[in-house]
Amino acid sequence: MTPELGYVAVHADHQSSRITLALVAGHLGPLFATTFNPRMRSTLGKAGFVEAGRGWGGKSGALSV
């Protein structure tokens, strides 16, 4: 079972990328995340995540993997 990076919630005045990079830096092995948020998609890309598979409909919009 591959662990998932879940929700990362930050105040609008702060950057989610710093938190995400710190969380990912301490993790060894595979990790996945999903999002419908364009800002978080960019943050995940900066953290080394790559899009794989197909997206699917979620409650708040299309999720991508």
PDB file of N, CA and C in Angstrom:
ATOM      1  N   MET A   1       0.845  -1.171   0.000  1.00  0.00           N
ATOM      2  CA  MET A   1       0.000   0.000   0.000  1.00  0.00           C
ATOM      3  C   MET A   1       0.899   1.245   0.000  1.00  0.00           C
ATOM      4  N   THR A   2       0.659   2.151  -0.926  1.00  0.00           N
ATOM      5  CA  THR A   2       1.459   3.365  -1.034  1.00  0.00           C
ATOM      6  C   THR A   2       0.870   4.470  -0.162  1.00  0.00           C
ATOM      7  N   PRO A   3       1.678   5.084   0.703  1.00  0.00           N
ATOM      8  CA  PRO A   3       1.177   6.187   1.533  1.00  0.00           C
ATOM      9  C   PRO A   3       0.769   7.386   0.678  1.00  0.00           C
ATOM     10  N   GLU A   4      -0.172   8.173   1.208  1.00  0.00           N
ATOM     11  CA  GLU A   4      -0.664   9.353   0.504  1.00  0.00           C
ATOM     12  C   GLU A   4      -0.336  10.622   1.286  1.00  0.00           C
ATOM     13  N   LEU A   5       0.084  11.652   0.571  1.00  0.00           N
ATOM     14  CA  LEU A   5       0.191  12.984   1.146  1.00  0.00           C
ATOM     15  C   LEU A   5      -1.212  13.548   1.118  1.00  0.00           C
ATOM     16  N   GLY A   6      -1.826  13.757   2.285  1.00  0.00           N
ATOM     17  CA  GLY A   6      -3.206  14.218   2.361  1.00  0.00           C
ATOM     18  C   GLY A   6      -3.300  15.725   2.229  1.00  0.00           C
ATOM     19  N   TYR A   7      -4.321  16.282   2.806  1.00  0.00           N
ATOM     20  CA  TYR A   7      -4.558  17.724   2.700  1.00  0.00           C
ATOM     21  C   TYR A   7      -3.445  18.530   3.350  1.00  0.00           C
ATOM     22  N   VAL A   8      -3.048  19.596   2.685  1.00  0.00           N
ATOM     23  CA  VAL A   8      -2.104  20.566   3.227  1.00  0.00           C
ATOM     24  C   VAL A   8      -2.850  21.894   3.241  1.00  0.00           C
ATOM     25  N   ALA A   9      -3.213  22.366   4.422  1.00  0.00           N
ATOM     26  CA  ALA A   9      -3.979  23.604   4.542  1.00  0.00           C
ATOM     27  C   ALA A   9      -3.108  24.674   5.187  1.00  0.00           C
ATOM     28  N   VAL A  10      -3.042  25.824   4.561  1.00  0.00           N
ATOM     29  CA  VAL A  10      -2.229  26.928   5.079  1.00  0.00           C
ATOM     30  C   VAL A  10      -3.002  28.233   4.961  1.00  0.00           C
ATOM     31  N   HIS A  11      -2.631  29.184   5.781  1.00  0.00           N
ATOM     32  CA  HIS A  11      -3.199  30.520   5.705  1.00  0.00           C
ATOM     33  C   HIS A  11      -2.804  31.134   4.365  1.00  0.00           C
ATOM     34  N   ALA A  12      -3.657  31.945   3.793  1.00  0.00           N
ATOM     35  CA  ALA A  12      -3.408  32.535   2.474  1.00  0.00           C
ATOM     36  C   ALA A  12      -2.111  33.349   2.418  1.00  0.00           C
ATOM     37  N   ASP A  13      -1.646  33.863   3.554  1.00  0.00           N
ATOM     38  CA  ASP A  13      -0.418  34.654   3.582  1.00  0.00           C
ATOM     39  C   ASP A  13       0.848  33.803   3.560  1.00  0.00           C
ATOM     40  N   HIS A  14       0.703  32.500   3.658  1.00  0.00           N
ATOM     41  CA  HIS A  14       1.865  31.609   3.712  1.00  0.00           C
ATOM     42  C   HIS A  14       1.933  30.760   2.454  1.00  0.00           C
ATOM     43  N   GLN A  15       3.055  30.091   2.274  1.00  0.00           N
ATOM     44  CA  GLN A  15       3.254  29.268   1.090  1.00  0.00           C
ATOM     45  C   GLN A  15       3.096  27.794   1.418  1.00  0.00           C
ATOM     46  N   SER A  16       2.247  27.120   0.668  1.00  0.00           N
ATOM     47  CA  SER A  16       2.078  25.685   0.873  1.00  0.00           C
ATOM     48  C   SER A  16       3.295  24.908   0.399  1.00  0.00           C
ATOM     49  N   SER A  17       4.071  25.484  -0.533  1.00  0.00           N
ATOM     50  CA  SER A  17       5.207  24.744  -1.077  1.00  0.00           C
ATOM     51  C   SER A  17       6.266  24.455  -0.011  1.00  0.00           C
ATOM     52  N   ARG A  18       6.507  25.382   0.903  1.00  0.00           N
ATOM     53  CA  ARG A  18       7.515  25.145   1.952  1.00  0.00           C
ATOM     54  C   ARG A  18       7.090  23.988   2.858  1.00  0.00           C
ATOM     55  N   ILE A  19       5.823  23.945   3.214  1.00  0.00           N
ATOM     56  CA  ILE A  19       5.319  22.872   4.073  1.00  0.00           C
ATOM     57  C   ILE A  19       5.386  21.540   3.333  1.00  0.00           C
ATOM     58  N   THR A  20       4.917  21.538   2.102  1.00  0.00           N
ATOM     59  CA  THR A  20       4.915  20.306   1.310  1.00  0.00           C
ATOM     60  C   THR A  20       6.324  19.785   1.091  1.00  0.00           C
ATOM     61  N   LEU A  21       7.246  20.660   0.730  1.00  0.00           N
ATOM     62  CA  LEU A  21       8.638  20.235   0.519  1.00  0.00           C
ATOM     63  C   LEU A  21       9.233  19.656   1.797  1.00  0.00           C
ATOM     64  N   ALA A  22       8.933  20.235   2.939  1.00  0.00           N
ATOM     65  CA  ALA A  22       9.446  19.716   4.213  1.00  0.00           C
ATOM     66  C   ALA A  22       8.862  18.344   4.515  1.00  0.00           C
ATOM     67  N   LEU A  23       7.578  18.156   4.252  1.00  0.00           N
ATOM     68  CA  LEU A  23       6.950  16.858   4.497  1.00  0.00           C
ATOM     69  C   LEU A  23       7.523  15.773   3.592  1.00  0.00           C
ATOM     70  N   VAL A  24       7.702  16.095   2.332  1.00  0.00           N
ATOM     71  CA  VAL A  24       8.196  15.124   1.357  1.00  0.00           C
ATOM     72  C   VAL A  24       9.679  14.814   1.592  1.00  0.00           C
ATOM     73  N   ALA A  25      10.446  15.802   2.024  1.00  0.00           N
ATOM     74  CA  ALA A  25      11.891  15.603   2.235  1.00  0.00           C
ATOM     75  C   ALA A  25      12.174  14.521   3.273  1.00  0.00           C
ATOM     76  N   GLY A  26      11.306  14.369   4.243  1.00  0.00           N
ATOM     77  CA  GLY A  26      11.529  13.375   5.288  1.00  0.00           C
ATOM     78  C   GLY A  26      10.948  12.014   4.987  1.00  0.00           C
ATOM     79  N   HIS A  27      10.419  11.817   3.783  1.00  0.00           N
ATOM     80  CA  HIS A  27       9.763  10.551   3.441  1.00  0.00           C
ATOM     81  C   HIS A  27      10.636   9.734   2.498  1.00  0.00           C
ATOM     82  N   LEU A  28      10.764   8.458   2.781  1.00  0.00           N
ATOM     83  CA  LEU A  28      11.489   7.531   1.908  1.00  0.00           C
ATOM     84  C   LEU A  28      10.488   6.625   1.207  1.00  0.00           C
ATOM     85  N   GLY A  29      10.721   6.360  -0.056  1.00  0.00           N
ATOM     86  CA  GLY A  29       9.854   5.452  -0.790  1.00  0.00           C
ATOM     87  C   GLY A  29       8.762   6.173  -1.547  1.00  0.00           C
ATOM     88  N   PRO A  30       7.877   5.399  -2.188  1.00  0.00           N
ATOM     89  CA  PRO A  30       6.822   5.998  -3.003  1.00  0.00           C
ATOM     90  C   PRO A  30       5.788   6.733  -2.153  1.00  0.00           C
ATOM     91  N   LEU A  31       5.173   7.719  -2.776  1.00  0.00           N
ATOM     92  CA  LEU A  31       4.166   8.545  -2.122  1.00  0.00           C
ATOM     93  C   LEU A  31       3.248   9.072  -3.214  1.00  0.00           C
ATOM     94  N   PHE A  32       1.949   9.160  -2.947  1.00  0.00           N
ATOM     95  CA  PHE A  32       1.063   9.741  -3.941  1.00  0.00           C
ATOM     96  C   PHE A  32       0.205  10.823  -3.322  1.00  0.00           C
ATOM     97  N   ALA A  33      -0.359  11.658  -4.175  1.00  0.00           N
ATOM     98  CA  ALA A  33      -1.246  12.730  -3.749  1.00  0.00           C
ATOM     99  C   ALA A  33      -2.251  12.988  -4.858  1.00  0.00           C
ATOM    100  N   THR A  34      -3.421  13.474  -4.506  1.00  0.00           N
ATOM    101  CA  THR A  34      -4.416  13.887  -5.487  1.00  0.00           C
ATOM    102  C   THR A  34      -4.862  15.307  -5.148  1.00  0.00           C
ATOM    103  N   THR A  35      -5.271  16.053  -6.162  1.00  0.00           N
ATOM    104  CA  THR A  35      -5.751  17.408  -5.931  1.00  0.00           C
ATOM    105  C   THR A  35      -6.613  17.879  -7.090  1.00  0.00           C
ATOM    106  N   PHE A  36      -7.492  18.828  -6.822  1.00  0.00           N
ATOM    107  CA  PHE A  36      -8.230  19.512  -7.875  1.00  0.00           C
ATOM    108  C   PHE A  36      -7.819  20.979  -7.920  1.00  0.00           C
ATOM    109  N   ASN A  37      -6.946  21.395  -6.991  1.00  0.00           N
ATOM    110  CA  ASN A  37      -6.541  22.784  -6.847  1.00  0.00           C
ATOM    111  C   ASN A  37      -5.319  23.087  -7.709  1.00  0.00           C
ATOM    112  N   PRO A  38      -5.410  24.073  -8.618  1.00  0.00           N
ATOM    113  CA  PRO A  38      -4.276  24.391  -9.496  1.00  0.00           C
ATOM    114  C   PRO A  38      -3.010  24.804  -8.725  1.00  0.00           C
ATOM    115  N   ARG A  39      -3.165  25.533  -7.636  1.00  0.00           N
ATOM    116  CA  ARG A  39      -1.999  25.952  -6.847  1.00  0.00           C
ATOM    117  C   ARG A  39      -1.306  24.742  -6.215  1.00  0.00           C
ATOM    118  N   MET A  40      -2.113  23.816  -5.689  1.00  0.00           N
ATOM    119  CA  MET A  40      -1.526  22.618  -5.090  1.00  0.00           C
ATOM    120  C   MET A  40      -0.914  21.721  -6.154  1.00  0.00           C
ATOM    121  N   ARG A  41      -1.498  21.693  -7.338  1.00  0.00           N
ATOM    122  CA  ARG A  41      -0.915  20.911  -8.444  1.00  0.00           C
ATOM    123  C   ARG A  41       0.492  21.430  -8.748  1.00  0.00           C
ATOM    124  N   SER A  42       0.654  22.747  -8.770  1.00  0.00           N
ATOM    125  CA  SER A  42       1.965  23.355  -8.999  1.00  0.00           C
ATOM    126  C   SER A  42       2.924  23.020  -7.863  1.00  0.00           C
ATOM    127  N   THR A  43       2.436  23.104  -6.641  1.00  0.00           N
ATOM    128  CA  THR A  43       3.255  22.788  -5.464  1.00  0.00           C
ATOM    129  C   THR A  43       3.724  21.337  -5.508  1.00  0.00           C
ATOM    130  N   LEU A  44       2.830  20.424  -5.851  1.00  0.00           N
ATOM    131  CA  LEU A  44       3.211  19.011  -5.926  1.00  0.00           C
ATOM    132  C   LEU A  44       4.266  18.785  -7.008  1.00  0.00           C
ATOM    133  N   GLY A  45       4.139  19.487  -8.128  1.00  0.00           N
ATOM    134  CA  GLY A  45       5.153  19.390  -9.184  1.00  0.00           C
ATOM    135  C   GLY A  45       6.516  19.845  -8.700  1.00  0.00           C
ATOM    136  N   LYS A  46       6.545  20.944  -7.934  1.00  0.00           N
ATOM    137  CA  LYS A  46       7.810  21.441  -7.370  1.00  0.00           C
ATOM    138  C   LYS A  46       8.414  20.443  -6.392  1.00  0.00           C
ATOM    139  N   ALA A  47       7.563  19.642  -5.759  1.00  0.00           N
ATOM    140  CA  ALA A  47       8.032  18.655  -4.783  1.00  0.00           C
ATOM    141  C   ALA A  47       8.436  17.342  -5.442  1.00  0.00           C
ATOM    142  N   GLY A  48       8.344  17.277  -6.774  1.00  0.00           N
ATOM    143  CA  GLY A  48       8.790  16.078  -7.483  1.00  0.00           C
ATOM    144  C   GLY A  48       7.696  15.117  -7.894  1.00  0.00           C
ATOM    145  N   PHE A  49       6.446  15.437  -7.598  1.00  0.00           N
ATOM    146  CA  PHE A  49       5.353  14.569  -8.023  1.00  0.00           C
ATOM    147  C   PHE A  49       5.153  14.716  -9.531  1.00  0.00           C
ATOM    148  N   VAL A  50       4.793  13.636 -10.188  1.00  0.00           N
ATOM    149  CA  VAL A  50       4.483  13.668 -11.610  1.00  0.00           C
ATOM    150  C   VAL A  50       3.086  13.095 -11.808  1.00  0.00           C
ATOM    151  N   GLU A  51       2.371  13.642 -12.779  1.00  0.00           N
ATOM    152  CA  GLU A  51       1.023  13.169 -13.047  1.00  0.00           C
ATOM    153  C   GLU A  51       1.071  11.806 -13.718  1.00  0.00           C
ATOM    154  N   ALA A  52       0.244  10.886 -13.226  1.00  0.00           N
ATOM    155  CA  ALA A  52       0.194   9.537 -13.780  1.00  0.00           C
ATOM    156  C   ALA A  52      -1.257   9.079 -13.781  1.00  0.00           C
ATOM    157  N   GLY A  53      -1.592   8.210 -14.688  1.00  0.00           N
ATOM    158  CA  GLY A  53      -2.956   7.704 -14.738  1.00  0.00           C
ATOM    159  C   GLY A  53      -3.920   8.736 -15.274  1.00  0.00           C
ATOM    160  N   ARG A  54      -5.196   8.559 -14.945  1.00  0.00           N
ATOM    161  CA  ARG A  54      -6.246   9.461 -15.407  1.00  0.00           C
ATOM    162  C   ARG A  54      -6.920  10.116 -14.209  1.00  0.00           C
ATOM    163  N   GLY A  55      -7.414  11.318 -14.409  1.00  0.00           N
ATOM    164  CA  GLY A  55      -8.173  11.999 -13.370  1.00  0.00           C
ATOM    165  C   GLY A  55      -9.574  11.417 -13.258  1.00  0.00           C
ATOM    166  N   TRP A  56     -10.277  11.763 -12.194  1.00  0.00           N
ATOM    167  CA  TRP A  56     -11.648  11.319 -12.022  1.00  0.00           C
ATOM    168  C   TRP A  56     -12.428  12.402 -11.284  1.00  0.00           C
ATOM    169  N   GLY A  57     -13.740  12.355 -11.410  1.00  0.00           N
ATOM    170  CA  GLY A  57     -14.587  13.365 -10.798  1.00  0.00           C
ATOM    171  C   GLY A  57     -14.646  13.240  -9.285  1.00  0.00           C
ATOM    172  N   GLY A  58     -14.473  14.351  -8.608  1.00  0.00           N
ATOM    173  CA  GLY A  58     -14.589  14.401  -7.156  1.00  0.00           C
ATOM    174  C   GLY A  58     -15.704  15.360  -6.774  1.00  0.00           C
ATOM    175  N   LYS A  59     -15.983  15.495  -5.504  1.00  0.00           N
ATOM    176  CA  LYS A  59     -17.045  16.376  -5.030  1.00  0.00           C
ATOM    177  C   LYS A  59     -16.781  17.835  -5.393  1.00  0.00           C
ATOM    178  N   SER A  60     -15.515  18.249  -5.381  1.00  0.00           N
ATOM    179  CA  SER A  60     -15.170  19.649  -5.617  1.00  0.00           C
ATOM    180  C   SER A  60     -14.597  19.891  -7.005  1.00  0.00           C
ATOM    181  N   GLY A  61     -14.521  18.895  -7.820  1.00  0.00           N
ATOM    182  CA  GLY A  61     -13.963  19.052  -9.163  1.00  0.00           C
ATOM    183  C   GLY A  61     -13.208  17.803  -9.562  1.00  0.00           C
ATOM    184  N   ALA A  62     -12.583  17.853 -10.713  1.00  0.00           N
ATOM    185  CA  ALA A  62     -11.839  16.701 -11.219  1.00  0.00           C
ATOM    186  C   ALA A  62     -10.529  16.540 -10.467  1.00  0.00           C
ATOM    187  N   LEU A  63     -10.315  15.385  -9.900  1.00  0.00           N
ATOM    188  CA  LEU A  63      -9.069  15.082  -9.205  1.00  0.00           C
ATOM    189  C   LEU A  63      -8.052  14.565 -10.197  1.00  0.00           C
ATOM    190  N   SER A  64      -6.797  14.889  -9.964  1.00  0.00           N
ATOM    191  CA  SER A  64      -5.741  14.343 -10.802  1.00  0.00           C
ATOM    192  C   SER A  64      -4.750  13.633  -9.914  1.00  0.00           C
ATOM    193  N   VAL A  65      -4.101  12.649 -10.509  1.00  0.00           N
ATOM    194  CA  VAL A  65      -3.144  11.837  -9.756  1.00  0.00           C
ATOM    195  C   VAL A  65      -1.751  12.018 -10.316  1.00  0.00           C
TER     196      VAL A  65
END
